[in-house]
Amino acid sequence: MTPGEGEGLPLNQYDQSVGDPAPPFDPLRLCVFTTVALLAWVFGPVAVLAFAVIGILGYARARRGGLLRSKCKLGDTRLVIAYLSLVALAAAAALVFWVLRLLPGSGG
């Protein structure tokens, strides 16, 4: 700071030359991930299948609307839809075994 610069300004005053501070980190995604994991734990393959189908429908609609690249690590929306479809198929298969295990006389 050069001599005379900033002199006479009261403390706790907004300085245009500094700009706005960066907003604090909000770990909302971690809360969302925990909630989704809890639902998957409690409801098992039903929750996984439901989230996968919701994701497939959402990405299919977005792709029809012109979204070709997603913020998802897979990038291409076709790859995201294929991934979600694979998860949905696995969840559907797991759901069959989950229901069979609950039936009387299944030995589970």
C-alpha atoms as a PDB file:
ATOM      1  CA  MET A   1       0.000   0.000   0.000  1.00  0.00           C
ATOM      2  CA  THR A   2       1.439   3.353  -0.963  1.00  0.00           C
ATOM      3  CA  PRO A   3       1.535   6.244   1.525  1.00  0.00           C
ATOM      4  CA  GLY A   4      -1.779   8.046   1.678  1.00  0.00           C
ATOM      5  CA  GLU A   5      -3.713   5.183   0.098  1.00  0.00           C
ATOM      6  CA  GLY A   6      -6.746   4.192   2.139  1.00  0.00           C
ATOM      7  CA  GLU A   7      -6.136   6.865   4.722  1.00  0.00           C
ATOM      8  CA  GLY A   8      -9.209   8.437   6.179  1.00  0.00           C
ATOM      9  CA  LEU A   9     -11.505   5.491   5.374  1.00  0.00           C
ATOM     10  CA  PRO A  10     -13.425   4.238   8.399  1.00  0.00           C
ATOM     11  CA  LEU A  11     -13.063   0.579   9.314  1.00  0.00           C
ATOM     12  CA  ASN A  12     -15.630  -1.982   8.148  1.00  0.00           C
ATOM     13  CA  GLN A  13     -16.441  -0.093   4.961  1.00  0.00           C
ATOM     14  CA  TYR A  14     -16.910  -1.749   1.562  1.00  0.00           C
ATOM     15  CA  ASP A  15     -13.928  -1.182  -0.727  1.00  0.00           C
ATOM     16  CA  GLN A  16     -14.757  -1.379  -4.458  1.00  0.00           C
ATOM     17  CA  SER A  17     -11.146  -2.174  -5.347  1.00  0.00           C
ATOM     18  CA  VAL A  18     -11.235  -5.385  -3.297  1.00  0.00           C
ATOM     19  CA  GLY A  19     -14.557  -6.715  -4.586  1.00  0.00           C
ATOM     20  CA  ASP A  20     -16.910  -9.231  -3.042  1.00  0.00           C
ATOM     21  CA  PRO A  21     -15.536 -12.100  -0.958  1.00  0.00           C
ATOM     22  CA  ALA A  22     -15.964 -15.644  -2.250  1.00  0.00           C
ATOM     23  CA  PRO A  23     -19.060 -17.294  -0.820  1.00  0.00           C
ATOM     24  CA  PRO A  24     -18.325 -19.921   1.840  1.00  0.00           C
ATOM     25  CA  PHE A  25     -18.328 -23.574   0.772  1.00  0.00           C
ATOM     26  CA  ASP A  26     -21.757 -25.163   1.227  1.00  0.00           C
ATOM     27  CA  PRO A  27     -21.530 -28.965   1.485  1.00  0.00           C
ATOM     28  CA  LEU A  28     -25.181 -29.425   0.416  1.00  0.00           C
ATOM     29  CA  ARG A  29     -24.219 -32.182  -2.020  1.00  0.00           C
ATOM     30  CA  LEU A  30     -22.826 -34.225   0.854  1.00  0.00           C
ATOM     31  CA  CYS A  31     -26.184 -33.972   2.623  1.00  0.00           C
ATOM     32  CA  VAL A  32     -27.978 -35.008  -0.567  1.00  0.00           C
ATOM     33  CA  PHE A  33     -25.607 -37.955  -1.098  1.00  0.00           C
ATOM     34  CA  THR A  34     -26.142 -39.097   2.493  1.00  0.00           C
ATOM     35  CA  THR A  35     -29.917 -38.902   2.133  1.00  0.00           C
ATOM     36  CA  VAL A  36     -29.845 -40.904  -1.105  1.00  0.00           C
ATOM     37  CA  ALA A  37     -27.555 -43.499   0.494  1.00  0.00           C
ATOM     38  CA  LEU A  38     -29.882 -43.760   3.497  1.00  0.00           C
ATOM     39  CA  LEU A  39     -32.902 -44.287   1.247  1.00  0.00           C
ATOM     40  CA  ALA A  40     -31.012 -46.952  -0.707  1.00  0.00           C
ATOM     41  CA  TRP A  41     -30.025 -48.652   2.546  1.00  0.00           C
ATOM     42  CA  VAL A  42     -33.554 -48.641   3.972  1.00  0.00           C
ATOM     43  CA  PHE A  43     -35.508 -49.403   0.795  1.00  0.00           C
ATOM     44  CA  GLY A  44     -32.833 -51.466  -0.972  1.00  0.00           C
ATOM     45  CA  PRO A  45     -33.155 -52.128  -4.692  1.00  0.00           C
ATOM     46  CA  VAL A  46     -36.531 -50.365  -4.840  1.00  0.00           C
ATOM     47  CA  ALA A  47     -34.849 -47.019  -4.093  1.00  0.00           C
ATOM     48  CA  VAL A  48     -31.964 -47.709  -6.478  1.00  0.00           C
ATOM     49  CA  LEU A  49     -34.389 -48.633  -9.255  1.00  0.00           C
ATOM     50  CA  ALA A  50     -36.535 -45.556  -8.578  1.00  0.00           C
ATOM     51  CA  PHE A  51     -33.572 -43.149  -8.638  1.00  0.00           C
ATOM     52  CA  ALA A  52     -32.169 -44.778 -11.777  1.00  0.00           C
ATOM     53  CA  VAL A  53     -35.503 -44.505 -13.608  1.00  0.00           C
ATOM     54  CA  ILE A  54     -35.918 -40.880 -12.521  1.00  0.00           C
ATOM     55  CA  GLY A  55     -32.394 -40.205 -13.789  1.00  0.00           C
ATOM     56  CA  ILE A  56     -33.046 -41.939 -17.121  1.00  0.00           C
ATOM     57  CA  LEU A  57     -36.244 -39.962 -17.662  1.00  0.00           C
ATOM     58  CA  GLY A  58     -34.553 -36.704 -16.699  1.00  0.00           C
ATOM     59  CA  TYR A  59     -31.553 -37.222 -18.970  1.00  0.00           C
ATOM     60  CA  ALA A  60     -33.737 -38.424 -21.868  1.00  0.00           C
ATOM     61  CA  ARG A  61     -35.840 -35.278 -21.567  1.00  0.00           C
ATOM     62  CA  ALA A  62     -32.747 -33.076 -21.322  1.00  0.00           C
ATOM     63  CA  ARG A  63     -31.197 -34.795 -24.361  1.00  0.00           C
ATOM     64  CA  ARG A  64     -34.367 -34.216 -26.384  1.00  0.00           C
ATOM     65  CA  GLY A  65     -34.129 -30.590 -25.261  1.00  0.00           C
ATOM     66  CA  GLY A  66     -30.622 -30.306 -26.719  1.00  0.00           C
ATOM     67  CA  LEU A  67     -28.290 -31.224 -23.838  1.00  0.00           C
ATOM     68  CA  LEU A  68     -25.465 -33.270 -25.340  1.00  0.00           C
ATOM     69  CA  ARG A  69     -22.849 -32.905 -22.555  1.00  0.00           C
ATOM     70  CA  SER A  70     -23.545 -33.349 -18.873  1.00  0.00           C
ATOM     71  CA  LYS A  71     -21.636 -32.173 -15.803  1.00  0.00           C
ATOM     72  CA  CYS A  72     -21.581 -35.857 -14.861  1.00  0.00           C
ATOM     73  CA  LYS A  73     -18.082 -37.386 -15.074  1.00  0.00           C
ATOM     74  CA  LEU A  74     -19.234 -39.515 -18.014  1.00  0.00           C
ATOM     75  CA  GLY A  75     -19.831 -36.357 -20.055  1.00  0.00           C
ATOM     76  CA  ASP A  76     -21.886 -37.517 -23.036  1.00  0.00           C
ATOM     77  CA  THR A  77     -25.558 -37.818 -22.102  1.00  0.00           C
ATOM     78  CA  ARG A  78     -25.814 -41.091 -24.036  1.00  0.00           C
ATOM     79  CA  LEU A  79     -23.193 -42.611 -21.742  1.00  0.00           C
ATOM     80  CA  VAL A  80     -25.038 -41.306 -18.682  1.00  0.00           C
ATOM     81  CA  ILE A  81     -28.310 -42.837 -19.903  1.00  0.00           C
ATOM     82  CA  ALA A  82     -26.539 -46.144 -20.641  1.00  0.00           C
ATOM     83  CA  TYR A  83     -24.975 -46.132 -17.150  1.00  0.00           C
ATOM     84  CA  LEU A  84     -28.319 -45.390 -15.478  1.00  0.00           C
ATOM     85  CA  SER A  85     -29.990 -48.105 -17.572  1.00  0.00           C
ATOM     86  CA  LEU A  86     -27.374 -50.638 -16.437  1.00  0.00           C
ATOM     87  CA  VAL A  87     -27.959 -49.622 -12.799  1.00  0.00           C
ATOM     88  CA  ALA A  88     -31.740 -49.937 -13.312  1.00  0.00           C
ATOM     89  CA  LEU A  89     -31.349 -53.443 -14.764  1.00  0.00           C
ATOM     90  CA  ALA A  90     -29.103 -54.503 -11.878  1.00  0.00           C
ATOM     91  CA  ALA A  91     -31.568 -53.042  -9.363  1.00  0.00           C
ATOM     92  CA  ALA A  92     -34.477 -54.860 -11.032  1.00  0.00           C
ATOM     93  CA  ALA A  93     -32.574 -58.158 -10.833  1.00  0.00           C
ATOM     94  CA  ALA A  94     -31.655 -57.481  -7.202  1.00  0.00           C
ATOM     95  CA  LEU A  95     -35.293 -56.645  -6.471  1.00  0.00           C
ATOM     96  CA  VAL A  96     -36.367 -60.080  -7.703  1.00  0.00           C
ATOM     97  CA  PHE A  97     -33.892 -61.772  -5.352  1.00  0.00           C
ATOM     98  CA  TRP A  98     -34.855 -59.404  -2.520  1.00  0.00           C
ATOM     99  CA  VAL A  99     -38.546 -60.303  -2.871  1.00  0.00           C
ATOM    100  CA  LEU A 100     -37.794 -64.040  -3.198  1.00  0.00           C
ATOM    101  CA  ARG A 101     -35.766 -63.892   0.006  1.00  0.00           C
ATOM    102  CA  LEU A 102     -38.752 -62.419   1.850  1.00  0.00           C
ATOM    103  CA  LEU A 103     -41.153 -65.153   0.716  1.00  0.00           C
ATOM    104  CA  PRO A 104     -41.927 -67.907   3.242  1.00  0.00           C
ATOM    105  CA  GLY A 105     -40.085 -71.140   2.611  1.00  0.00           C
ATOM    106  CA  SER A 106     -37.343 -69.542   0.542  1.00  0.00           C
ATOM    107  CA  GLY A 107     -34.679 -70.509   3.075  1.00  0.00           C
ATOM    108  CA  GLY A 108     -33.463 -66.927   3.554  1.00  0.00           C
END
